[in-house]
N, C-alpha and C. Protein backbone atom coordinates (compact mmCIF):
# COMPACT_ATOMS: atom_id res chain seq x y z
N MET A 1 119.44 85.24 99.84
CA MET A 1 118.34 85.65 98.99
C MET A 1 117.74 86.94 99.54
N LYS A 2 117.06 87.64 98.68
CA LYS A 2 116.46 88.89 99.09
C LYS A 2 115.28 89.17 98.16
N ALA A 3 114.20 89.67 98.73
CA ALA A 3 113.04 90.11 97.94
C ALA A 3 112.81 91.58 98.26
N THR A 4 112.68 92.39 97.22
CA THR A 4 112.50 93.82 97.42
C THR A 4 111.28 94.32 96.67
N ILE A 5 110.44 95.04 97.36
CA ILE A 5 109.33 95.76 96.74
C ILE A 5 109.34 97.16 97.34
N SER A 6 109.23 98.15 96.49
CA SER A 6 109.15 99.53 96.95
C SER A 6 107.70 99.99 96.92
N ALA A 7 107.36 100.86 97.85
CA ALA A 7 106.00 101.40 97.92
C ALA A 7 106.08 102.92 97.88
N ASN A 8 105.30 103.52 97.00
CA ASN A 8 105.19 104.96 96.88
C ASN A 8 103.80 105.37 97.31
N TRP A 9 103.64 106.51 97.96
CA TRP A 9 102.33 107.01 98.40
C TRP A 9 102.17 108.46 97.97
N SER A 10 100.98 108.83 97.50
CA SER A 10 100.68 110.21 97.11
C SER A 10 99.37 110.64 97.74
N ASP A 11 99.31 111.88 98.21
CA ASP A 11 98.13 112.53 98.75
C ASP A 11 97.88 112.14 100.20
N SER A 12 96.74 112.53 100.74
CA SER A 12 96.42 112.32 102.15
C SER A 12 96.14 110.85 102.45
N PHE A 13 96.00 110.56 103.73
CA PHE A 13 95.78 109.19 104.17
C PHE A 13 94.53 108.58 103.54
N LYS A 14 93.39 109.23 103.66
CA LYS A 14 92.14 108.64 103.17
C LYS A 14 91.89 108.87 101.69
N LYS A 15 92.44 109.91 101.10
CA LYS A 15 92.21 110.19 99.69
C LYS A 15 93.32 109.65 98.79
N GLY A 16 94.47 109.40 99.38
CA GLY A 16 95.63 109.02 98.59
C GLY A 16 95.62 107.58 98.13
N GLU A 17 96.66 107.25 97.40
CA GLU A 17 96.88 105.88 96.98
C GLU A 17 98.36 105.66 96.79
N GLY A 18 98.72 104.40 96.79
CA GLY A 18 100.12 104.05 96.60
C GLY A 18 100.29 103.12 95.43
N VAL A 19 101.54 102.97 95.03
CA VAL A 19 101.90 102.07 93.93
C VAL A 19 103.13 101.28 94.34
N TYR A 20 103.07 99.97 94.14
CA TYR A 20 104.23 99.12 94.40
C TYR A 20 105.11 99.08 93.16
N THR A 21 106.42 99.05 93.39
CA THR A 21 107.39 98.88 92.32
C THR A 21 108.22 97.65 92.64
N SER A 22 108.35 96.79 91.63
CA SER A 22 109.07 95.54 91.84
C SER A 22 109.65 95.07 90.52
N GLU A 23 110.70 94.27 90.61
CA GLU A 23 111.21 93.62 89.40
C GLU A 23 110.26 92.54 88.91
N ASN A 24 109.37 92.07 89.80
CA ASN A 24 108.38 91.07 89.43
C ASN A 24 107.23 91.77 88.70
N PRO A 25 107.00 91.46 87.42
CA PRO A 25 105.96 92.16 86.66
C PRO A 25 104.55 91.91 87.20
N LEU A 26 104.34 90.87 87.98
CA LEU A 26 103.01 90.61 88.54
C LEU A 26 102.67 91.57 89.67
N ILE A 27 103.69 92.13 90.31
CA ILE A 27 103.48 93.06 91.42
C ILE A 27 103.74 94.51 90.99
N ASN A 28 104.65 94.69 90.06
CA ASN A 28 105.02 96.03 89.63
C ASN A 28 103.81 96.80 89.12
N GLY A 29 103.59 97.98 89.68
CA GLY A 29 102.49 98.82 89.24
C GLY A 29 101.17 98.57 89.95
N VAL A 30 101.12 97.59 90.85
CA VAL A 30 99.90 97.32 91.61
C VAL A 30 99.65 98.49 92.57
N THR A 31 98.42 98.98 92.60
CA THR A 31 98.10 100.09 93.50
C THR A 31 97.52 99.58 94.80
N TYR A 32 97.67 100.38 95.84
CA TYR A 32 97.10 100.05 97.15
C TYR A 32 96.47 101.29 97.74
N HIS A 33 95.47 101.05 98.62
CA HIS A 33 94.71 102.13 99.24
C HIS A 33 94.57 101.87 100.73
N PHE A 34 94.06 102.89 101.42
CA PHE A 34 93.75 102.79 102.84
C PHE A 34 92.63 101.79 103.08
N MET A 35 91.66 101.73 102.18
CA MET A 35 90.54 100.79 102.31
C MET A 35 90.03 100.48 100.91
N ASN A 36 89.28 99.40 100.78
CA ASN A 36 88.71 99.06 99.48
C ASN A 36 87.80 100.19 99.02
N ARG A 37 87.94 100.57 97.78
CA ARG A 37 87.12 101.64 97.22
C ARG A 37 86.39 101.12 95.99
N PRO A 38 85.13 101.50 95.82
CA PRO A 38 84.40 101.06 94.64
C PRO A 38 85.09 101.54 93.36
N ASN A 39 85.07 100.69 92.36
CA ASN A 39 85.60 101.00 91.03
C ASN A 39 87.10 101.30 91.01
N LYS A 40 87.83 100.92 92.02
CA LYS A 40 89.28 101.10 92.03
C LYS A 40 89.92 99.72 92.08
N GLN A 41 90.81 99.47 91.18
CA GLN A 41 91.53 98.20 91.19
C GLN A 41 92.77 98.38 92.05
N ALA A 42 92.68 97.96 93.29
CA ALA A 42 93.80 98.11 94.21
C ALA A 42 93.72 97.03 95.28
N VAL A 43 94.82 96.84 95.96
CA VAL A 43 94.87 95.88 97.05
C VAL A 43 95.08 96.62 98.36
N LEU A 44 94.79 95.92 99.43
CA LEU A 44 95.12 96.40 100.76
C LEU A 44 96.44 95.73 101.16
N PRO A 45 97.33 96.41 101.86
CA PRO A 45 98.57 95.77 102.30
C PRO A 45 98.31 94.47 103.08
N GLU A 46 97.22 94.44 103.85
CA GLU A 46 96.88 93.24 104.63
C GLU A 46 96.61 92.04 103.72
N GLU A 47 96.14 92.29 102.50
CA GLU A 47 95.90 91.19 101.56
C GLU A 47 97.21 90.55 101.12
N PHE A 48 98.25 91.37 100.92
CA PHE A 48 99.56 90.81 100.58
C PHE A 48 100.11 90.00 101.75
N LEU A 49 99.87 90.46 102.97
CA LEU A 49 100.31 89.74 104.15
C LEU A 49 99.62 88.37 104.22
N ALA A 50 98.30 88.35 103.99
CA ALA A 50 97.54 87.09 104.00
C ALA A 50 98.02 86.16 102.89
N ALA A 51 98.29 86.70 101.71
CA ALA A 51 98.77 85.88 100.59
C ALA A 51 100.13 85.28 100.91
N ALA A 52 101.02 86.09 101.48
CA ALA A 52 102.35 85.60 101.81
C ALA A 52 102.30 84.48 102.85
N TYR A 53 101.48 84.66 103.87
CA TYR A 53 101.41 83.66 104.94
C TYR A 53 100.79 82.36 104.45
N SER A 54 99.69 82.42 103.73
CA SER A 54 99.04 81.19 103.26
C SER A 54 99.93 80.46 102.26
N GLY A 55 100.59 81.19 101.37
CA GLY A 55 101.49 80.55 100.41
C GLY A 55 102.70 79.92 101.07
N CYS A 56 103.30 80.63 102.00
CA CYS A 56 104.46 80.11 102.72
C CYS A 56 104.09 78.88 103.55
N PHE A 57 102.94 78.93 104.21
CA PHE A 57 102.49 77.77 104.99
C PHE A 57 102.31 76.56 104.08
N ASN A 58 101.65 76.74 102.92
CA ASN A 58 101.44 75.61 101.99
C ASN A 58 102.77 75.01 101.54
N MET A 59 103.73 75.86 101.21
CA MET A 59 105.03 75.33 100.76
C MET A 59 105.75 74.61 101.88
N THR A 60 105.67 75.14 103.10
CA THR A 60 106.32 74.48 104.24
C THR A 60 105.66 73.14 104.53
N LEU A 61 104.33 73.10 104.50
CA LEU A 61 103.61 71.85 104.72
C LEU A 61 103.91 70.84 103.61
N ALA A 62 103.95 71.30 102.38
CA ALA A 62 104.28 70.40 101.26
C ALA A 62 105.68 69.83 101.40
N MET A 63 106.63 70.64 101.86
CA MET A 63 107.99 70.17 102.08
C MET A 63 108.01 69.04 103.12
N LEU A 64 107.31 69.26 104.24
CA LEU A 64 107.28 68.24 105.30
C LEU A 64 106.60 66.96 104.83
N LEU A 65 105.49 67.08 104.14
CA LEU A 65 104.76 65.90 103.66
C LEU A 65 105.56 65.14 102.60
N THR A 66 106.21 65.88 101.71
CA THR A 66 107.01 65.25 100.65
C THR A 66 108.21 64.53 101.25
N THR A 67 108.83 65.12 102.26
CA THR A 67 109.96 64.49 102.93
C THR A 67 109.56 63.13 103.50
N GLU A 68 108.32 63.03 103.98
CA GLU A 68 107.83 61.78 104.55
C GLU A 68 107.16 60.89 103.49
N LYS A 69 107.27 61.28 102.21
CA LYS A 69 106.80 60.49 101.06
C LYS A 69 105.27 60.39 100.95
N TYR A 70 104.56 61.38 101.49
CA TYR A 70 103.10 61.40 101.33
C TYR A 70 102.76 62.03 99.99
N GLU A 71 101.70 61.53 99.37
CA GLU A 71 101.25 62.05 98.07
C GLU A 71 100.18 63.11 98.31
N ILE A 72 100.48 64.32 97.91
CA ILE A 72 99.58 65.45 98.11
C ILE A 72 98.67 65.59 96.90
N THR A 73 97.36 65.55 97.15
CA THR A 73 96.40 65.87 96.10
C THR A 73 96.16 67.37 96.07
N SER A 74 95.89 67.95 97.23
CA SER A 74 95.70 69.39 97.29
C SER A 74 95.86 69.90 98.72
N LEU A 75 96.39 71.11 98.81
CA LEU A 75 96.46 71.88 100.06
C LEU A 75 95.83 73.23 99.74
N ASP A 76 94.70 73.51 100.31
CA ASP A 76 94.01 74.78 100.09
C ASP A 76 93.99 75.54 101.41
N THR A 77 94.74 76.62 101.46
CA THR A 77 94.87 77.38 102.69
C THR A 77 94.46 78.83 102.46
N SER A 78 93.57 79.30 103.30
CA SER A 78 93.23 80.73 103.30
C SER A 78 93.79 81.33 104.57
N CYS A 79 93.99 82.62 104.54
CA CYS A 79 94.51 83.32 105.72
C CYS A 79 93.64 84.53 105.97
N ASP A 80 93.12 84.64 107.17
CA ASP A 80 92.36 85.81 107.59
C ASP A 80 93.27 86.67 108.45
N ILE A 81 93.48 87.89 108.03
CA ILE A 81 94.24 88.85 108.83
C ILE A 81 93.23 89.74 109.55
N HIS A 82 93.23 89.69 110.86
CA HIS A 82 92.32 90.50 111.66
C HIS A 82 93.06 91.75 112.13
N TYR A 83 92.45 92.90 111.94
CA TYR A 83 93.09 94.15 112.33
C TYR A 83 92.05 95.18 112.72
N ASP A 84 92.47 96.16 113.48
CA ASP A 84 91.61 97.30 113.76
C ASP A 84 92.31 98.53 113.19
N GLU A 85 91.90 99.69 113.59
CA GLU A 85 92.47 100.92 113.02
C GLU A 85 93.94 101.11 113.33
N ASN A 86 94.41 100.51 114.42
CA ASN A 86 95.76 100.80 114.88
C ASN A 86 96.77 99.67 114.79
N LYS A 87 96.29 98.42 114.68
CA LYS A 87 97.27 97.34 114.68
C LYS A 87 96.69 96.05 114.13
N LEU A 88 97.60 95.15 113.80
CA LEU A 88 97.24 93.80 113.40
C LEU A 88 96.96 93.01 114.67
N LEU A 89 95.83 92.31 114.69
CA LEU A 89 95.42 91.59 115.89
C LEU A 89 95.81 90.12 115.87
N LYS A 90 95.56 89.46 114.73
CA LYS A 90 95.92 88.05 114.62
C LYS A 90 95.78 87.60 113.18
N ALA A 91 96.37 86.44 112.91
CA ALA A 91 96.24 85.78 111.61
C ALA A 91 95.68 84.39 111.87
N VAL A 92 94.73 83.98 111.04
CA VAL A 92 94.14 82.65 111.17
C VAL A 92 94.32 81.92 109.84
N LEU A 93 95.04 80.81 109.89
CA LEU A 93 95.18 79.95 108.72
C LEU A 93 94.08 78.91 108.75
N ASN A 94 93.44 78.72 107.61
CA ASN A 94 92.40 77.70 107.46
C ASN A 94 92.84 76.77 106.34
N VAL A 95 93.25 75.56 106.70
CA VAL A 95 93.77 74.63 105.70
C VAL A 95 92.79 73.50 105.49
N GLN A 96 92.57 73.20 104.22
CA GLN A 96 91.78 72.04 103.81
C GLN A 96 92.70 71.20 102.95
N ALA A 97 92.84 69.92 103.29
CA ALA A 97 93.84 69.11 102.62
C ALA A 97 93.30 67.76 102.17
N LYS A 98 93.86 67.30 101.06
CA LYS A 98 93.66 65.93 100.58
C LYS A 98 95.04 65.35 100.38
N VAL A 99 95.38 64.38 101.23
CA VAL A 99 96.71 63.77 101.18
C VAL A 99 96.52 62.26 101.31
N ALA A 100 97.07 61.52 100.35
CA ALA A 100 96.91 60.06 100.34
C ALA A 100 97.75 59.41 101.44
N THR A 101 97.24 58.36 101.98
CA THR A 101 97.91 57.45 102.93
C THR A 101 98.40 58.08 104.22
N ILE A 102 97.83 59.17 104.64
CA ILE A 102 98.20 59.77 105.91
C ILE A 102 96.95 59.80 106.79
N ASP A 103 97.12 59.51 108.07
CA ASP A 103 95.96 59.56 108.96
C ASP A 103 95.78 60.98 109.50
N LYS A 104 94.62 61.24 110.04
CA LYS A 104 94.26 62.59 110.49
C LYS A 104 95.21 63.12 111.56
N ILE A 105 95.54 62.30 112.53
CA ILE A 105 96.40 62.74 113.63
C ILE A 105 97.79 63.12 113.12
N THR A 106 98.36 62.29 112.25
CA THR A 106 99.68 62.58 111.69
C THR A 106 99.63 63.85 110.86
N PHE A 107 98.56 64.03 110.09
CA PHE A 107 98.44 65.25 109.28
C PHE A 107 98.36 66.47 110.19
N GLU A 108 97.54 66.41 111.22
CA GLU A 108 97.41 67.55 112.13
C GLU A 108 98.74 67.90 112.78
N GLU A 109 99.50 66.89 113.20
CA GLU A 109 100.81 67.14 113.80
C GLU A 109 101.76 67.78 112.79
N THR A 110 101.70 67.31 111.55
CA THR A 110 102.56 67.85 110.50
C THR A 110 102.17 69.30 110.18
N ALA A 111 100.87 69.58 110.13
CA ALA A 111 100.40 70.94 109.86
C ALA A 111 100.83 71.89 110.98
N LYS A 112 100.76 71.44 112.23
CA LYS A 112 101.20 72.27 113.35
C LYS A 112 102.70 72.55 113.27
N LYS A 113 103.46 71.55 112.85
CA LYS A 113 104.89 71.74 112.69
C LYS A 113 105.17 72.73 111.56
N ALA A 114 104.41 72.63 110.47
CA ALA A 114 104.57 73.57 109.35
C ALA A 114 104.28 75.00 109.79
N LYS A 115 103.27 75.16 110.62
CA LYS A 115 102.94 76.50 111.14
C LYS A 115 104.11 77.06 111.94
N GLN A 116 104.77 76.21 112.74
CA GLN A 116 105.92 76.65 113.54
C GLN A 116 107.13 76.98 112.68
N LEU A 117 107.30 76.25 111.57
CA LEU A 117 108.48 76.41 110.73
C LEU A 117 108.33 77.47 109.64
N CYS A 118 107.12 77.85 109.30
CA CYS A 118 106.87 78.79 108.21
C CYS A 118 107.61 80.11 108.47
N PRO A 119 108.54 80.50 107.60
CA PRO A 119 109.30 81.72 107.82
C PRO A 119 108.45 82.99 107.92
N ILE A 120 107.39 83.08 107.15
CA ILE A 120 106.54 84.28 107.21
C ILE A 120 105.87 84.35 108.58
N GLY A 121 105.26 83.27 109.02
CA GLY A 121 104.59 83.24 110.32
C GLY A 121 105.53 83.50 111.48
N GLN A 122 106.79 83.05 111.35
CA GLN A 122 107.77 83.28 112.42
C GLN A 122 108.04 84.76 112.62
N GLY A 123 107.81 85.56 111.59
CA GLY A 123 108.10 86.98 111.69
C GLY A 123 107.00 87.81 112.33
N PHE A 124 105.86 87.19 112.61
CA PHE A 124 104.74 87.95 113.17
C PHE A 124 104.89 88.14 114.66
N ALA A 125 104.56 89.34 115.13
CA ALA A 125 104.56 89.63 116.57
C ALA A 125 103.17 89.47 117.16
N PHE A 126 102.18 89.22 116.31
CA PHE A 126 100.80 89.04 116.77
C PHE A 126 100.45 87.56 116.74
N PRO A 127 99.39 87.14 117.45
CA PRO A 127 99.03 85.71 117.51
C PRO A 127 98.61 85.15 116.16
N THR A 128 98.88 83.87 115.99
CA THR A 128 98.43 83.15 114.80
C THR A 128 97.70 81.89 115.23
N GLU A 129 96.73 81.48 114.43
CA GLU A 129 95.94 80.29 114.72
C GLU A 129 95.92 79.39 113.49
N LEU A 130 95.60 78.12 113.69
CA LEU A 130 95.52 77.15 112.61
C LEU A 130 94.25 76.33 112.76
N ASN A 131 93.42 76.33 111.72
CA ASN A 131 92.21 75.50 111.67
C ASN A 131 92.43 74.47 110.56
N ILE A 132 92.18 73.19 110.85
CA ILE A 132 92.47 72.11 109.91
C ILE A 132 91.19 71.40 109.52
N ASN A 133 91.02 71.21 108.21
CA ASN A 133 89.92 70.41 107.67
C ASN A 133 90.59 69.36 106.79
N PHE A 134 90.68 68.15 107.29
CA PHE A 134 91.40 67.06 106.60
C PHE A 134 90.41 66.08 106.02
N GLU A 135 90.63 65.75 104.74
CA GLU A 135 89.77 64.75 104.08
C GLU A 135 90.54 63.48 103.83
């Protein structure tokens, strides 16, 4: 399998903007900037990174829970990407879950395993953390 998105950039670093091109119509034509700007509909590249990690983690966790026959009501995961001007510092996953017939300890162990197995997270060279809120 392969996923491809192209990025084009025009103008200077702080004044310029970019546009993603993809076969996926939801991404194709999305603009990106150096920083959030008022009245501009654009994303930051770090937002796509956070979206990819939180989505991948949820799917990996759902796979593990489903394999063990647990009934998932909801998995709500946010991802905070921490960065400074020069580099990505860390990613923090915050998961809130409702899963029937599973105890807290088993869920926490399963979530930690999902974090280790998540293909997106495996590709990061910076630290990642996991915060769990289990109901």
